[in-house]
Amino acid sequence: MADFFFYGTWEDSRTYLETLVHLERFTFVVDMWYTEPVALQFTTVTDDVESTVHKRRRLYLWSDECSQFPPNFGEPTPNELMMISLSGSGPALDLKLPACFELKGKLSVGIGWLGYQPQ
């Protein structure tokens, strides 16, 4: 898998996300635990979407141009939670927006990445 690593603040992440949304080429799927096999997807950034993405910074980017299969869920855990399994989905771009926080009065800027599935 090819990866691109980058650093940024939440403001940078919001700018990256808005830029990708404005391309109108992707459906964004939030990587999170689900109780039902229905993925949280979006194509525009609303306040609710921004709040969710701020907490769950990993997203999958589906595109009509390159994604052959829809999001597929893995087997549920014993407590009936499930996540999207990329091995039976996509291919899709894998985006993790960087975390940023203050620690002892200093700004700590996290690392993000953009990658894609080899197959």
N, C-alpha and C. Protein backbone atom coordinates (compact mmCIF):
# COMPACT_ATOMS: atom_id res chain seq x y z
N MET A 1 0.84 -1.16 0.00
CA MET A 1 0.00 0.00 0.00
C MET A 1 0.90 1.24 0.00
N ALA A 2 0.58 2.19 -0.87
CA ALA A 2 1.31 3.45 -0.90
C ALA A 2 0.71 4.39 0.13
N ASP A 3 1.55 5.07 0.89
CA ASP A 3 1.09 5.97 1.94
C ASP A 3 1.73 7.33 1.78
N PHE A 4 0.97 8.35 2.14
CA PHE A 4 1.46 9.72 2.19
C PHE A 4 1.18 10.21 3.60
N PHE A 5 2.21 10.61 4.33
CA PHE A 5 2.07 11.07 5.71
C PHE A 5 2.18 12.59 5.74
N PHE A 6 1.41 13.21 6.63
CA PHE A 6 1.43 14.66 6.75
C PHE A 6 1.07 15.05 8.17
N TYR A 7 1.39 16.29 8.54
CA TYR A 7 1.07 16.82 9.86
C TYR A 7 0.09 17.98 9.69
N GLY A 8 -0.68 18.26 10.75
CA GLY A 8 -1.57 19.40 10.67
C GLY A 8 -2.40 19.56 11.92
N THR A 9 -3.01 20.72 12.01
CA THR A 9 -3.93 21.03 13.11
C THR A 9 -5.34 20.65 12.67
N TRP A 10 -6.31 20.80 13.58
CA TRP A 10 -7.69 20.51 13.19
C TRP A 10 -8.15 21.48 12.10
N GLU A 11 -7.70 22.73 12.14
CA GLU A 11 -8.06 23.68 11.09
C GLU A 11 -7.52 23.22 9.74
N ASP A 12 -6.30 22.68 9.72
CA ASP A 12 -5.74 22.12 8.49
C ASP A 12 -6.60 20.94 8.02
N SER A 13 -6.96 20.07 8.95
CA SER A 13 -7.76 18.90 8.61
C SER A 13 -9.10 19.30 8.00
N ARG A 14 -9.72 20.30 8.59
CA ARG A 14 -11.00 20.78 8.07
C ARG A 14 -10.82 21.31 6.64
N THR A 15 -9.72 22.02 6.40
CA THR A 15 -9.44 22.53 5.06
C THR A 15 -9.23 21.38 4.07
N TYR A 16 -8.45 20.34 4.48
CA TYR A 16 -8.25 19.19 3.61
C TYR A 16 -9.57 18.54 3.26
N LEU A 17 -10.40 18.34 4.28
CA LEU A 17 -11.69 17.68 4.08
C LEU A 17 -12.57 18.50 3.15
N GLU A 18 -12.67 19.79 3.39
CA GLU A 18 -13.50 20.65 2.54
C GLU A 18 -12.99 20.66 1.10
N THR A 19 -11.68 20.65 0.92
CA THR A 19 -11.10 20.62 -0.42
C THR A 19 -11.48 19.32 -1.14
N LEU A 20 -11.38 18.20 -0.44
CA LEU A 20 -11.75 16.92 -1.04
C LEU A 20 -13.25 16.86 -1.36
N VAL A 21 -14.08 17.40 -0.48
CA VAL A 21 -15.53 17.42 -0.72
C VAL A 21 -15.84 18.24 -1.96
N HIS A 22 -15.18 19.37 -2.12
CA HIS A 22 -15.45 20.25 -3.27
C HIS A 22 -15.04 19.63 -4.60
N LEU A 23 -14.22 18.60 -4.57
CA LEU A 23 -13.89 17.90 -5.81
C LEU A 23 -15.10 17.14 -6.37
N GLU A 24 -16.06 16.83 -5.50
CA GLU A 24 -17.28 16.10 -5.86
C GLU A 24 -16.97 14.76 -6.53
N ARG A 25 -15.91 14.09 -6.08
CA ARG A 25 -15.51 12.81 -6.65
C ARG A 25 -15.66 11.66 -5.66
N PHE A 26 -15.94 11.98 -4.39
CA PHE A 26 -15.91 10.95 -3.36
C PHE A 26 -17.18 10.91 -2.52
N THR A 27 -17.48 9.72 -2.05
CA THR A 27 -18.41 9.52 -0.94
C THR A 27 -17.54 9.15 0.24
N PHE A 28 -17.68 9.87 1.33
CA PHE A 28 -16.86 9.67 2.53
C PHE A 28 -17.60 8.74 3.48
N VAL A 29 -16.89 7.75 3.99
CA VAL A 29 -17.46 6.78 4.92
C VAL A 29 -16.64 6.83 6.21
N VAL A 30 -17.30 7.01 7.32
CA VAL A 30 -16.63 7.13 8.61
C VAL A 30 -16.26 5.75 9.14
N ASP A 31 -14.98 5.58 9.52
CA ASP A 31 -14.52 4.34 10.13
C ASP A 31 -14.83 4.42 11.62
N MET A 32 -15.78 3.60 12.06
CA MET A 32 -16.19 3.59 13.46
C MET A 32 -16.90 2.28 13.74
N TRP A 33 -17.21 2.04 15.00
CA TRP A 33 -17.99 0.88 15.37
C TRP A 33 -19.45 1.14 15.03
N TYR A 34 -20.08 0.15 14.40
CA TYR A 34 -21.49 0.24 14.02
C TYR A 34 -22.29 -0.86 14.70
N THR A 35 -23.53 -0.54 15.05
CA THR A 35 -24.42 -1.55 15.62
C THR A 35 -25.25 -2.23 14.54
N GLU A 36 -25.35 -1.61 13.38
CA GLU A 36 -26.04 -2.17 12.22
C GLU A 36 -25.13 -2.02 11.02
N PRO A 37 -25.28 -2.89 10.01
CA PRO A 37 -24.41 -2.81 8.84
C PRO A 37 -24.82 -1.70 7.87
N VAL A 38 -24.91 -0.49 8.38
CA VAL A 38 -25.24 0.69 7.59
C VAL A 38 -24.20 1.75 7.92
N ALA A 39 -23.37 2.07 6.93
CA ALA A 39 -22.26 2.99 7.16
C ALA A 39 -22.72 4.45 7.17
N LEU A 40 -22.09 5.24 8.01
CA LEU A 40 -22.30 6.68 8.04
C LEU A 40 -21.51 7.27 6.87
N GLN A 41 -22.23 7.79 5.87
CA GLN A 41 -21.62 8.32 4.66
C GLN A 41 -22.01 9.79 4.50
N PHE A 42 -21.15 10.55 3.81
CA PHE A 42 -21.49 11.93 3.51
C PHE A 42 -20.76 12.39 2.26
N THR A 43 -21.34 13.41 1.62
CA THR A 43 -20.71 14.04 0.44
C THR A 43 -20.59 15.54 0.63
N THR A 44 -21.13 16.06 1.73
CA THR A 44 -20.99 17.47 2.08
C THR A 44 -20.65 17.55 3.57
N VAL A 45 -20.06 18.65 3.96
CA VAL A 45 -19.68 18.84 5.36
C VAL A 45 -20.73 19.71 6.05
N THR A 46 -21.42 19.12 7.01
CA THR A 46 -22.37 19.84 7.84
C THR A 46 -21.77 19.94 9.25
N ASP A 47 -22.44 20.64 10.14
CA ASP A 47 -21.96 20.72 11.52
C ASP A 47 -21.91 19.35 12.17
N ASP A 48 -22.94 18.52 11.91
CA ASP A 48 -22.96 17.16 12.48
C ASP A 48 -21.81 16.32 11.92
N VAL A 49 -21.58 16.42 10.62
CA VAL A 49 -20.47 15.67 10.00
C VAL A 49 -19.15 16.13 10.59
N GLU A 50 -18.96 17.43 10.70
CA GLU A 50 -17.70 17.96 11.25
C GLU A 50 -17.48 17.48 12.68
N SER A 51 -18.52 17.46 13.48
CA SER A 51 -18.41 16.99 14.86
C SER A 51 -18.02 15.51 14.90
N THR A 52 -18.62 14.70 14.05
CA THR A 52 -18.31 13.27 14.00
C THR A 52 -16.88 13.05 13.53
N VAL A 53 -16.49 13.73 12.47
CA VAL A 53 -15.14 13.55 11.91
C VAL A 53 -14.08 14.05 12.88
N HIS A 54 -14.39 15.07 13.65
CA HIS A 54 -13.44 15.56 14.64
C HIS A 54 -13.14 14.48 15.68
N LYS A 55 -14.15 13.66 16.00
CA LYS A 55 -13.98 12.57 16.97
C LYS A 55 -13.45 11.30 16.32
N ARG A 56 -13.90 11.01 15.11
CA ARG A 56 -13.52 9.79 14.39
C ARG A 56 -12.82 10.23 13.11
N ARG A 57 -11.52 10.42 13.18
CA ARG A 57 -10.76 11.08 12.11
C ARG A 57 -10.40 10.17 10.94
N ARG A 58 -10.72 8.89 11.02
CA ARG A 58 -10.39 7.99 9.91
C ARG A 58 -11.60 7.85 9.00
N LEU A 59 -11.36 8.08 7.71
CA LEU A 59 -12.42 8.04 6.69
C LEU A 59 -11.97 7.19 5.52
N TYR A 60 -12.93 6.57 4.87
CA TYR A 60 -12.68 5.89 3.60
C TYR A 60 -13.33 6.71 2.51
N LEU A 61 -12.62 6.88 1.40
CA LEU A 61 -13.12 7.68 0.30
C LEU A 61 -13.45 6.75 -0.87
N TRP A 62 -14.75 6.60 -1.13
CA TRP A 62 -15.22 5.79 -2.25
C TRP A 62 -15.40 6.69 -3.45
N SER A 63 -15.12 6.14 -4.64
CA SER A 63 -15.25 6.90 -5.87
C SER A 63 -15.83 6.01 -6.96
N ASP A 64 -16.74 6.57 -7.75
CA ASP A 64 -17.29 5.82 -8.89
C ASP A 64 -16.19 5.46 -9.88
N GLU A 65 -15.12 6.23 -9.89
CA GLU A 65 -14.04 6.01 -10.84
C GLU A 65 -13.17 4.79 -10.51
N CYS A 66 -13.05 4.45 -9.22
CA CYS A 66 -12.12 3.38 -8.87
C CYS A 66 -12.67 2.33 -7.90
N SER A 67 -13.77 2.62 -7.22
CA SER A 67 -14.31 1.67 -6.25
C SER A 67 -15.27 0.71 -6.94
N GLN A 68 -14.97 -0.57 -6.83
CA GLN A 68 -15.81 -1.58 -7.50
C GLN A 68 -16.87 -2.15 -6.57
N PHE A 69 -16.61 -2.14 -5.25
CA PHE A 69 -17.51 -2.76 -4.29
C PHE A 69 -17.89 -1.77 -3.20
N PRO A 70 -19.12 -1.86 -2.70
CA PRO A 70 -19.56 -0.96 -1.62
C PRO A 70 -18.90 -1.34 -0.29
N PRO A 71 -19.06 -0.48 0.72
CA PRO A 71 -18.51 -0.83 2.04
C PRO A 71 -19.07 -2.17 2.53
N ASN A 72 -18.17 -3.02 2.99
CA ASN A 72 -18.53 -4.34 3.48
C ASN A 72 -18.14 -4.42 4.95
N PHE A 73 -19.01 -4.96 5.76
CA PHE A 73 -18.75 -5.04 7.19
C PHE A 73 -18.14 -6.39 7.55
N GLY A 74 -17.23 -6.36 8.52
CA GLY A 74 -16.64 -7.58 9.05
C GLY A 74 -17.61 -8.26 10.01
N GLU A 75 -17.18 -9.37 10.54
CA GLU A 75 -18.00 -10.12 11.49
C GLU A 75 -18.21 -9.30 12.77
N PRO A 76 -19.41 -9.36 13.34
CA PRO A 76 -19.66 -8.63 14.58
C PRO A 76 -18.85 -9.19 15.75
N THR A 77 -18.52 -8.33 16.68
CA THR A 77 -17.86 -8.73 17.91
C THR A 77 -18.90 -9.41 18.81
N PRO A 78 -18.48 -10.02 19.91
CA PRO A 78 -19.45 -10.63 20.82
C PRO A 78 -20.52 -9.66 21.33
N ASN A 79 -20.18 -8.37 21.39
CA ASN A 79 -21.19 -7.39 21.84
C ASN A 79 -21.93 -6.75 20.65
N GLU A 80 -21.89 -7.44 19.50
CA GLU A 80 -22.68 -7.07 18.31
C GLU A 80 -22.24 -5.76 17.64
N LEU A 81 -20.99 -5.39 17.78
CA LEU A 81 -20.47 -4.22 17.08
C LEU A 81 -19.66 -4.68 15.88
N MET A 82 -19.66 -3.88 14.83
CA MET A 82 -18.91 -4.25 13.63
C MET A 82 -18.27 -3.02 13.01
N MET A 83 -17.22 -3.29 12.22
CA MET A 83 -16.52 -2.23 11.50
C MET A 83 -16.47 -2.60 10.03
N ILE A 84 -16.17 -1.61 9.21
CA ILE A 84 -16.02 -1.85 7.78
C ILE A 84 -14.73 -2.62 7.55
N SER A 85 -14.82 -3.62 6.71
CA SER A 85 -13.66 -4.42 6.34
C SER A 85 -13.24 -4.04 4.93
N LEU A 86 -12.07 -3.46 4.81
CA LEU A 86 -11.61 -3.06 3.47
C LEU A 86 -11.23 -4.25 2.59
N SER A 87 -11.00 -5.41 3.19
CA SER A 87 -10.61 -6.56 2.37
C SER A 87 -11.73 -7.02 1.45
N GLY A 88 -12.97 -6.76 1.78
CA GLY A 88 -14.08 -7.13 0.90
C GLY A 88 -14.79 -5.93 0.33
N SER A 89 -14.16 -4.78 0.39
CA SER A 89 -14.77 -3.53 -0.04
C SER A 89 -13.86 -2.81 -1.02
N GLY A 90 -14.41 -1.76 -1.61
CA GLY A 90 -13.60 -0.81 -2.37
C GLY A 90 -13.14 -1.27 -3.74
N PRO A 91 -11.95 -0.95 -4.11
CA PRO A 91 -10.93 -0.25 -3.33
C PRO A 91 -11.36 1.18 -2.99
N ALA A 92 -10.80 1.67 -1.91
CA ALA A 92 -11.10 3.02 -1.44
C ALA A 92 -9.84 3.66 -0.89
N LEU A 93 -9.79 4.98 -0.96
CA LEU A 93 -8.70 5.68 -0.31
C LEU A 93 -8.93 5.64 1.19
N ASP A 94 -7.86 5.57 1.94
CA ASP A 94 -7.91 5.48 3.40
C ASP A 94 -7.27 6.76 3.94
N LEU A 95 -8.07 7.60 4.58
CA LEU A 95 -7.61 8.90 5.07
C LEU A 95 -7.75 8.97 6.57
N LYS A 96 -6.67 9.32 7.24
CA LYS A 96 -6.75 9.61 8.67
C LYS A 96 -6.26 11.03 8.87
N LEU A 97 -7.16 11.87 9.39
CA LEU A 97 -6.81 13.25 9.65
C LEU A 97 -6.03 13.34 10.95
N PRO A 98 -5.02 14.22 11.02
CA PRO A 98 -4.18 14.29 12.21
C PRO A 98 -4.90 14.82 13.44
N ALA A 99 -4.50 14.30 14.58
CA ALA A 99 -4.99 14.80 15.86
C ALA A 99 -4.09 15.96 16.29
N CYS A 100 -4.66 16.88 17.00
CA CYS A 100 -3.90 18.03 17.47
C CYS A 100 -4.41 18.36 18.86
N PHE A 101 -3.49 18.55 19.80
CA PHE A 101 -3.90 18.85 21.17
C PHE A 101 -2.81 19.64 21.87
N GLU A 102 -3.18 20.25 22.99
CA GLU A 102 -2.22 21.00 23.77
C GLU A 102 -1.74 20.14 24.93
N LEU A 103 -0.44 20.12 25.14
CA LEU A 103 0.15 19.33 26.21
C LEU A 103 1.17 20.20 26.94
N LYS A 104 0.92 20.45 28.21
CA LYS A 104 1.79 21.29 29.04
C LYS A 104 2.05 22.65 28.40
N GLY A 105 0.98 23.22 27.85
CA GLY A 105 1.07 24.55 27.27
C GLY A 105 1.68 24.62 25.88
N LYS A 106 1.99 23.45 25.29
CA LYS A 106 2.57 23.43 23.94
C LYS A 106 1.64 22.67 23.00
N LEU A 107 1.57 23.17 21.78
CA LEU A 107 0.74 22.54 20.77
C LEU A 107 1.42 21.28 20.25
N SER A 108 0.73 20.17 20.29
CA SER A 108 1.23 18.91 19.75
C SER A 108 0.45 18.62 18.48
N VAL A 109 1.14 18.62 17.37
CA VAL A 109 0.50 18.40 16.08
C VAL A 109 0.69 16.94 15.69
N GLY A 110 -0.43 16.29 15.38
CA GLY A 110 -0.39 14.87 15.06
C GLY A 110 -0.09 14.60 13.60
N ILE A 111 0.04 13.31 13.32
CA ILE A 111 0.33 12.87 11.97
C ILE A 111 -0.93 12.28 11.35
N GLY A 112 -1.12 12.56 10.10
CA GLY A 112 -2.22 11.97 9.33
C GLY A 112 -1.65 11.18 8.18
N TRP A 113 -2.50 10.44 7.51
CA TRP A 113 -2.01 9.71 6.33
C TRP A 113 -3.12 9.55 5.32
N LEU A 114 -2.68 9.35 4.09
CA LEU A 114 -3.57 9.01 2.99
C LEU A 114 -2.93 7.82 2.30
N GLY A 115 -3.70 6.76 2.14
CA GLY A 115 -3.18 5.56 1.48
C GLY A 115 -4.27 4.91 0.66
N TYR A 116 -3.89 3.85 -0.03
CA TYR A 116 -4.89 3.10 -0.79
C TYR A 116 -4.55 1.63 -0.75
N GLN A 117 -5.57 0.83 -1.00
CA GLN A 117 -5.43 -0.61 -0.98
C GLN A 117 -4.63 -1.09 -2.19
N PRO A 118 -3.76 -2.05 -2.01
CA PRO A 118 -2.98 -2.55 -3.15
C PRO A 118 -3.85 -3.32 -4.15
N GLN A 119 -4.94 -3.90 -3.68
CA GLN A 119 -5.81 -4.69 -4.56
C GLN A 119 -7.25 -4.39 -4.27
